[in-house]
Amino acid sequence: MPKPNGFAYTATASGTVHITHHNRPATTLNGSRAARFLEEVTAGDHQLVMARWTGTYKHGNERTARNHPRNRR
């Protein structure tokens, strides 16, 4: 599985964090969630942390896998 890429974040003076994916807004974090994100992003892999916080770590094949005859119920 390829590593996530294309994420960037900006932290404002008011404590808000804006996360973008390929220059498109992905999510906005405020308050304690923004503080936890900033702690985590400085300690780990930036791209992976941002992918996990935005939920953009799926690769689009979930629907085809769900519709496969082996997985139908």
PDB file of N, CA and C in Angstrom:
ATOM      1  N   MET A   1       0.844  -1.161   0.000  1.00  0.00           N
ATOM      2  CA  MET A   1       0.000   0.000   0.000  1.00  0.00           C
ATOM      3  C   MET A   1       0.899   1.236   0.000  1.00  0.00           C
ATOM      4  N   PRO A   2       0.655   2.198  -0.895  1.00  0.00           N
ATOM      5  CA  PRO A   2       1.495   3.395  -0.938  1.00  0.00           C
ATOM      6  C   PRO A   2       1.269   4.278   0.285  1.00  0.00           C
ATOM      7  N   LYS A   3       2.316   5.016   0.625  1.00  0.00           N
ATOM      8  CA  LYS A   3       2.213   5.946   1.741  1.00  0.00           C
ATOM      9  C   LYS A   3       1.361   7.135   1.329  1.00  0.00           C
ATOM     10  N   PRO A   4       0.613   7.723   2.270  1.00  0.00           N
ATOM     11  CA  PRO A   4      -0.189   8.902   1.934  1.00  0.00           C
ATOM     12  C   PRO A   4       0.712  10.083   1.606  1.00  0.00           C
ATOM     13  N   ASN A   5       0.257  10.931   0.703  1.00  0.00           N
ATOM     14  CA  ASN A   5       0.996  12.142   0.371  1.00  0.00           C
ATOM     15  C   ASN A   5       0.030  13.224  -0.070  1.00  0.00           C
ATOM     16  N   GLY A   6       0.514  14.441  -0.174  1.00  0.00           N
ATOM     17  CA  GLY A   6      -0.317  15.547  -0.638  1.00  0.00           C
ATOM     18  C   GLY A   6      -0.994  16.326   0.467  1.00  0.00           C
ATOM     19  N   PHE A   7      -0.736  15.993   1.721  1.00  0.00           N
ATOM     20  CA  PHE A   7      -1.355  16.697   2.839  1.00  0.00           C
ATOM     21  C   PHE A   7      -0.500  17.864   3.279  1.00  0.00           C
ATOM     22  N   ALA A   8      -1.157  18.911   3.750  1.00  0.00           N
ATOM     23  CA  ALA A   8      -0.477  20.066   4.335  1.00  0.00           C
ATOM     24  C   ALA A   8      -1.396  20.635   5.411  1.00  0.00           C
ATOM     25  N   TYR A   9      -0.800  21.331   6.367  1.00  0.00           N
ATOM     26  CA  TYR A   9      -1.622  21.963   7.392  1.00  0.00           C
ATOM     27  C   TYR A   9      -1.085  23.342   7.710  1.00  0.00           C
ATOM     28  N   THR A  10      -1.996  24.198   8.178  1.00  0.00           N
ATOM     29  CA  THR A  10      -1.632  25.522   8.651  1.00  0.00           C
ATOM     30  C   THR A  10      -2.281  25.719  10.001  1.00  0.00           C
ATOM     31  N   ALA A  11      -1.511  26.227  10.939  1.00  0.00           N
ATOM     32  CA  ALA A  11      -2.013  26.528  12.279  1.00  0.00           C
ATOM     33  C   ALA A  11      -2.122  28.033  12.414  1.00  0.00           C
ATOM     34  N   THR A  12      -3.267  28.512  12.858  1.00  0.00           N
ATOM     35  CA  THR A  12      -3.476  29.941  13.023  1.00  0.00           C
ATOM     36  C   THR A  12      -3.163  30.348  14.454  1.00  0.00           C
ATOM     37  N   ALA A  13      -3.051  31.638  14.674  1.00  0.00           N
ATOM     38  CA  ALA A  13      -2.759  32.164  16.009  1.00  0.00           C
ATOM     39  C   ALA A  13      -3.912  31.916  16.970  1.00  0.00           C
ATOM     40  N   SER A  14      -5.119  31.760  16.456  1.00  0.00           N
ATOM     41  CA  SER A  14      -6.280  31.524  17.315  1.00  0.00           C
ATOM     42  C   SER A  14      -6.392  30.070  17.766  1.00  0.00           C
ATOM     43  N   GLY A  15      -5.487  29.199  17.290  1.00  0.00           N
ATOM     44  CA  GLY A  15      -5.502  27.801  17.707  1.00  0.00           C
ATOM     45  C   GLY A  15      -6.227  26.869  16.755  1.00  0.00           C
ATOM     46  N   THR A  16      -6.657  27.368  15.622  1.00  0.00           N
ATOM     47  CA  THR A  16      -7.337  26.553  14.626  1.00  0.00           C
ATOM     48  C   THR A  16      -6.306  25.947  13.676  1.00  0.00           C
ATOM     49  N   VAL A  17      -6.534  24.697  13.279  1.00  0.00           N
ATOM     50  CA  VAL A  17      -5.653  24.021  12.327  1.00  0.00           C
ATOM     51  C   VAL A  17      -6.481  23.652  11.101  1.00  0.00           C
ATOM     52  N   HIS A  18      -6.009  24.060   9.931  1.00  0.00           N
ATOM     53  CA  HIS A  18      -6.657  23.734   8.662  1.00  0.00           C
ATOM     54  C   HIS A  18      -5.786  22.704   7.956  1.00  0.00           C
ATOM     55  N   ILE A  19      -6.374  21.562   7.596  1.00  0.00           N
ATOM     56  CA  ILE A  19      -5.654  20.513   6.885  1.00  0.00           C
ATOM     57  C   ILE A  19      -6.194  20.456   5.461  1.00  0.00           C
ATOM     58  N   THR A  20      -5.273  20.446   4.489  1.00  0.00           N
ATOM     59  CA  THR A  20      -5.660  20.351   3.085  1.00  0.00           C
ATOM     60  C   THR A  20      -5.050  19.100   2.471  1.00  0.00           C
ATOM     61  N   HIS A  21      -5.689  18.622   1.420  1.00  0.00           N
ATOM     62  CA  HIS A  21      -5.192  17.479   0.660  1.00  0.00           C
ATOM     63  C   HIS A  21      -5.174  17.896  -0.800  1.00  0.00           C
ATOM     64  N   HIS A  22      -3.977  17.971  -1.372  1.00  0.00           N
ATOM     65  CA  HIS A  22      -3.789  18.465  -2.742  1.00  0.00           C
ATOM     66  C   HIS A  22      -4.462  19.826  -2.922  1.00  0.00           C
ATOM     67  N   ASN A  23      -4.207  20.721  -1.984  1.00  0.00           N
ATOM     68  CA  ASN A  23      -4.689  22.107  -1.980  1.00  0.00           C
ATOM     69  C   ASN A  23      -6.200  22.238  -1.874  1.00  0.00           C
ATOM     70  N   ARG A  24      -6.890  21.195  -1.464  1.00  0.00           N
ATOM     71  CA  ARG A  24      -8.331  21.266  -1.222  1.00  0.00           C
ATOM     72  C   ARG A  24      -8.580  21.072   0.268  1.00  0.00           C
ATOM     73  N   PRO A  25      -9.498  21.827   0.856  1.00  0.00           N
ATOM     74  CA  PRO A  25      -9.755  21.685   2.297  1.00  0.00           C
ATOM     75  C   PRO A  25     -10.220  20.276   2.649  1.00  0.00           C
ATOM     76  N   ALA A  26      -9.589  19.684   3.649  1.00  0.00           N
ATOM     77  CA  ALA A  26      -9.968  18.345   4.091  1.00  0.00           C
ATOM     78  C   ALA A  26     -10.705  18.412   5.426  1.00  0.00           C
ATOM     79  N   THR A  27     -10.171  19.188   6.376  1.00  0.00           N
ATOM     80  CA  THR A  27     -10.831  19.322   7.668  1.00  0.00           C
ATOM     81  C   THR A  27     -10.282  20.528   8.404  1.00  0.00           C
ATOM     82  N   THR A  28     -11.023  20.961   9.418  1.00  0.00           N
ATOM     83  CA  THR A  28     -10.608  22.042  10.294  1.00  0.00           C
ATOM     84  C   THR A  28     -10.731  21.551  11.729  1.00  0.00           C
ATOM     85  N   LEU A  29      -9.685  21.758  12.503  1.00  0.00           N
ATOM     86  CA  LEU A  29      -9.663  21.332  13.898  1.00  0.00           C
ATOM     87  C   LEU A  29      -9.594  22.557  14.798  1.00  0.00           C
ATOM     88  N   ASN A  30     -10.355  22.527  15.890  1.00  0.00           N
ATOM     89  CA  ASN A  30     -10.389  23.640  16.833  1.00  0.00           C
ATOM     90  C   ASN A  30     -10.132  23.128  18.246  1.00  0.00           C
ATOM     91  N   GLY A  31      -9.671  24.014  19.101  1.00  0.00           N
ATOM     92  CA  GLY A  31      -9.571  23.740  20.530  1.00  0.00           C
ATOM     93  C   GLY A  31      -8.641  22.597  20.877  1.00  0.00           C
ATOM     94  N   SER A  32      -9.143  21.691  21.740  1.00  0.00           N
ATOM     95  CA  SER A  32      -8.315  20.591  22.242  1.00  0.00           C
ATOM     96  C   SER A  32      -7.951  19.594  21.143  1.00  0.00           C
ATOM     97  N   ARG A  33      -8.824  19.422  20.167  1.00  0.00           N
ATOM     98  CA  ARG A  33      -8.495  18.515  19.054  1.00  0.00           C
ATOM     99  C   ARG A  33      -7.330  19.061  18.249  1.00  0.00           C
ATOM    100  N   ALA A  34      -7.286  20.368  18.041  1.00  0.00           N
ATOM    101  CA  ALA A  34      -6.172  20.977  17.311  1.00  0.00           C
ATOM    102  C   ALA A  34      -4.874  20.831  18.095  1.00  0.00           C
ATOM    103  N   ALA A  35      -4.929  20.993  19.399  1.00  0.00           N
ATOM    104  CA  ALA A  35      -3.734  20.852  20.232  1.00  0.00           C
ATOM    105  C   ALA A  35      -3.211  19.420  20.208  1.00  0.00           C
ATOM    106  N   ARG A  36      -4.118  18.435  20.288  1.00  0.00           N
ATOM    107  CA  ARG A  36      -3.700  17.029  20.218  1.00  0.00           C
ATOM    108  C   ARG A  36      -3.098  16.708  18.859  1.00  0.00           C
ATOM    109  N   PHE A  37      -3.695  17.255  17.788  1.00  0.00           N
ATOM    110  CA  PHE A  37      -3.159  17.035  16.450  1.00  0.00           C
ATOM    111  C   PHE A  37      -1.741  17.589  16.331  1.00  0.00           C
ATOM    112  N   LEU A  38      -1.516  18.807  16.808  1.00  0.00           N
ATOM    113  CA  LEU A  38      -0.193  19.423  16.709  1.00  0.00           C
ATOM    114  C   LEU A  38       0.855  18.645  17.490  1.00  0.00           C
ATOM    115  N   GLU A  39       0.480  18.098  18.641  1.00  0.00           N
ATOM    116  CA  GLU A  39       1.409  17.259  19.401  1.00  0.00           C
ATOM    117  C   GLU A  39       1.765  16.000  18.623  1.00  0.00           C
ATOM    118  N   GLU A  40       0.758  15.397  18.018  1.00  0.00           N
ATOM    119  CA  GLU A  40       0.959  14.134  17.309  1.00  0.00           C
ATOM    120  C   GLU A  40       1.719  14.323  16.002  1.00  0.00           C
ATOM    121  N   VAL A  41       1.463  15.415  15.303  1.00  0.00           N
ATOM    122  CA  VAL A  41       2.105  15.616  14.005  1.00  0.00           C
ATOM    123  C   VAL A  41       3.590  15.936  14.176  1.00  0.00           C
ATOM    124  N   THR A  42       3.980  16.529  15.287  1.00  0.00           N
ATOM    125  CA  THR A  42       5.394  16.817  15.507  1.00  0.00           C
ATOM    126  C   THR A  42       6.159  15.576  15.935  1.00  0.00           C
ATOM    127  N   ALA A  43       5.453  14.582  16.466  1.00  0.00           N
ATOM    128  CA  ALA A  43       6.121  13.377  16.961  1.00  0.00           C
ATOM    129  C   ALA A  43       6.188  12.251  15.936  1.00  0.00           C
ATOM    130  N   GLY A  44       5.346  12.275  14.905  1.00  0.00           N
ATOM    131  CA  GLY A  44       5.276  11.141  13.987  1.00  0.00           C
ATOM    132  C   GLY A  44       5.418  11.545  12.532  1.00  0.00           C
ATOM    133  N   ASP A  45       5.069  10.614  11.656  1.00  0.00           N
ATOM    134  CA  ASP A  45       5.089  10.845  10.219  1.00  0.00           C
ATOM    135  C   ASP A  45       3.973  11.824   9.863  1.00  0.00           C
ATOM    136  N   HIS A  46       4.325  12.993   9.352  1.00  0.00           N
ATOM    137  CA  HIS A  46       3.364  14.052   9.093  1.00  0.00           C
ATOM    138  C   HIS A  46       2.224  13.597   8.191  1.00  0.00           C
ATOM    139  N   GLN A  47       2.555  12.973   7.070  1.00  0.00           N
ATOM    140  CA  GLN A  47       1.545  12.580   6.094  1.00  0.00           C
ATOM    141  C   GLN A  47       0.596  11.529   6.652  1.00  0.00           C
ATOM    142  N   LEU A  48       1.127  10.559   7.352  1.00  0.00           N
ATOM    143  CA  LEU A  48       0.292   9.505   7.909  1.00  0.00           C
ATOM    144  C   LEU A  48      -0.638  10.039   8.992  1.00  0.00           C
ATOM    145  N   VAL A  49      -0.136  10.920   9.825  1.00  0.00           N
ATOM    146  CA  VAL A  49      -0.953  11.520  10.890  1.00  0.00           C
ATOM    147  C   VAL A  49      -2.096  12.327  10.284  1.00  0.00           C
ATOM    148  N   MET A  50      -1.795  13.136   9.270  1.00  0.00           N
ATOM    149  CA  MET A  50      -2.848  13.941   8.649  1.00  0.00           C
ATOM    150  C   MET A  50      -3.866  13.066   7.921  1.00  0.00           C
ATOM    151  N   ALA A  51      -3.426  11.987   7.307  1.00  0.00           N
ATOM    152  CA  ALA A  51      -4.363  11.075   6.641  1.00  0.00           C
ATOM    153  C   ALA A  51      -5.291  10.433   7.650  1.00  0.00           C
ATOM    154  N   ARG A  52      -4.758  10.065   8.795  1.00  0.00           N
ATOM    155  CA  ARG A  52      -5.588   9.435   9.819  1.00  0.00           C
ATOM    156  C   ARG A  52      -6.581  10.425  10.417  1.00  0.00           C
ATOM    157  N   TRP A  53      -6.155  11.646  10.674  1.00  0.00           N
ATOM    158  CA  TRP A  53      -7.043  12.642  11.275  1.00  0.00           C
ATOM    159  C   TRP A  53      -8.136  13.087  10.314  1.00  0.00           C
ATOM    160  N   THR A  54      -7.878  13.064   9.024  1.00  0.00           N
ATOM    161  CA  THR A  54      -8.892  13.484   8.058  1.00  0.00           C
ATOM    162  C   THR A  54      -9.763  12.332   7.597  1.00  0.00           C
ATOM    163  N   GLY A  55      -9.312  11.106   7.805  1.00  0.00           N
ATOM    164  CA  GLY A  55     -10.069   9.957   7.326  1.00  0.00           C
ATOM    165  C   GLY A  55      -9.822   9.674   5.864  1.00  0.00           C
ATOM    166  N   THR A  56      -8.796  10.289   5.286  1.00  0.00           N
ATOM    167  CA  THR A  56      -8.493  10.129   3.872  1.00  0.00           C
ATOM    168  C   THR A  56      -7.418   9.072   3.675  1.00  0.00           C
ATOM    169  N   TYR A  57      -7.547   7.981   4.338  1.00  0.00           N
ATOM    170  CA  TYR A  57      -6.542   6.937   4.185  1.00  0.00           C
ATOM    171  C   TYR A  57      -7.098   5.748   3.439  1.00  0.00           C
ATOM    172  N   LYS A  58      -8.339   5.821   3.006  1.00  0.00           N
ATOM    173  CA  LYS A  58      -8.918   4.765   2.189  1.00  0.00           C
ATOM    174  C   LYS A  58      -8.587   5.056   0.737  1.00  0.00           C
ATOM    175  N   HIS A  59      -8.524   4.034  -0.077  1.00  0.00           N
ATOM    176  CA  HIS A  59      -8.038   4.200  -1.436  1.00  0.00           C
ATOM    177  C   HIS A  59      -9.084   3.990  -2.510  1.00  0.00           C
ATOM    178  N   GLY A  60     -10.361   3.934  -2.173  1.00  0.00           N
ATOM    179  CA  GLY A  60     -11.405   3.899  -3.168  1.00  0.00           C
ATOM    180  C   GLY A  60     -11.831   2.531  -3.643  1.00  0.00           C
ATOM    181  N   ASN A  61     -11.206   1.462  -3.164  1.00  0.00           N
ATOM    182  CA  ASN A  61     -11.599   0.142  -3.633  1.00  0.00           C
ATOM    183  C   ASN A  61     -12.560  -0.535  -2.662  1.00  0.00           C
ATOM    184  N   GLU A  62     -13.060   0.189  -1.676  1.00  0.00           N
ATOM    185  CA  GLU A  62     -13.940  -0.425  -0.686  1.00  0.00           C
ATOM    186  C   GLU A  62     -15.265  -0.863  -1.305  1.00  0.00           C
ATOM    187  N   ARG A  63     -15.799  -0.077  -2.230  1.00  0.00           N
ATOM    188  CA  ARG A  63     -17.085  -0.420  -2.831  1.00  0.00           C
ATOM    189  C   ARG A  63     -16.960  -1.679  -3.702  1.00  0.00           C
ATOM    190  N   THR A  64     -15.907  -1.784  -4.486  1.00  0.00           N
ATOM    191  CA  THR A  64     -15.741  -2.963  -5.331  1.00  0.00           C
ATOM    192  C   THR A  64     -15.484  -4.202  -4.488  1.00  0.00           C
ATOM    193  N   ALA A  65     -14.787  -4.051  -3.392  1.00  0.00           N
ATOM    194  CA  ALA A  65     -14.555  -5.198  -2.514  1.00  0.00           C
ATOM    195  C   ALA A  65     -15.857  -5.632  -1.852  1.00  0.00           C
ATOM    196  N   ARG A  66     -16.694  -4.677  -1.478  1.00  0.00           N
ATOM    197  CA  ARG A  66     -17.965  -5.010  -0.835  1.00  0.00           C
ATOM    198  C   ARG A  66     -18.895  -5.733  -1.807  1.00  0.00           C
ATOM    199  N   ASN A  67     -18.838  -5.371  -3.089  1.00  0.00           N
ATOM    200  CA  ASN A  67     -19.729  -5.972  -4.086  1.00  0.00           C
ATOM    201  C   ASN A  67     -19.191  -7.283  -4.657  1.00  0.00           C
ATOM    202  N   HIS A  68     -18.039  -7.685  -4.272  1.00  0.00           N
ATOM    203  CA  HIS A  68     -17.485  -8.952  -4.768  1.00  0.00           C
ATOM    204  C   HIS A  68     -18.341 -10.117  -4.254  1.00  0.00           C
ATOM    205  N   PRO A  69     -18.623 -11.139  -5.063  1.00  0.00           N
ATOM    206  CA  PRO A  69     -19.495 -12.243  -4.630  1.00  0.00           C
ATOM    207  C   PRO A  69     -19.020 -12.917  -3.352  1.00  0.00           C
ATOM    208  N   ARG A  70     -17.737 -12.962  -3.124  1.00  0.00           N
ATOM    209  CA  ARG A  70     -17.203 -13.606  -1.918  1.00  0.00           C
ATOM    210  C   ARG A  70     -17.601 -12.837  -0.659  1.00  0.00           C
ATOM    211  N   ASN A  71     -17.792 -11.520  -0.772  1.00  0.00           N
ATOM    212  CA  ASN A  71     -18.069 -10.684   0.391  1.00  0.00           C
ATOM    213  C   ASN A  71     -19.531 -10.347   0.572  1.00  0.00           C
ATOM    214  N   ARG A  72     -20.398 -10.783  -0.313  1.00  0.00           N
ATOM    215  CA  ARG A  72     -21.826 -10.466  -0.194  1.00  0.00           C
ATOM    216  C   ARG A  72     -22.480 -11.346   0.851  1.00  0.00           C
ATOM    217  N   ARG A  73     -23.372 -10.765   1.580  1.00  0.00           N
ATOM    218  CA  ARG A  73     -24.127 -11.518   2.592  1.00  0.00           C
ATOM    219  C   ARG A  73     -25.539 -11.056   2.656  1.00  0.00           C
TER     220      ARG A  73
END
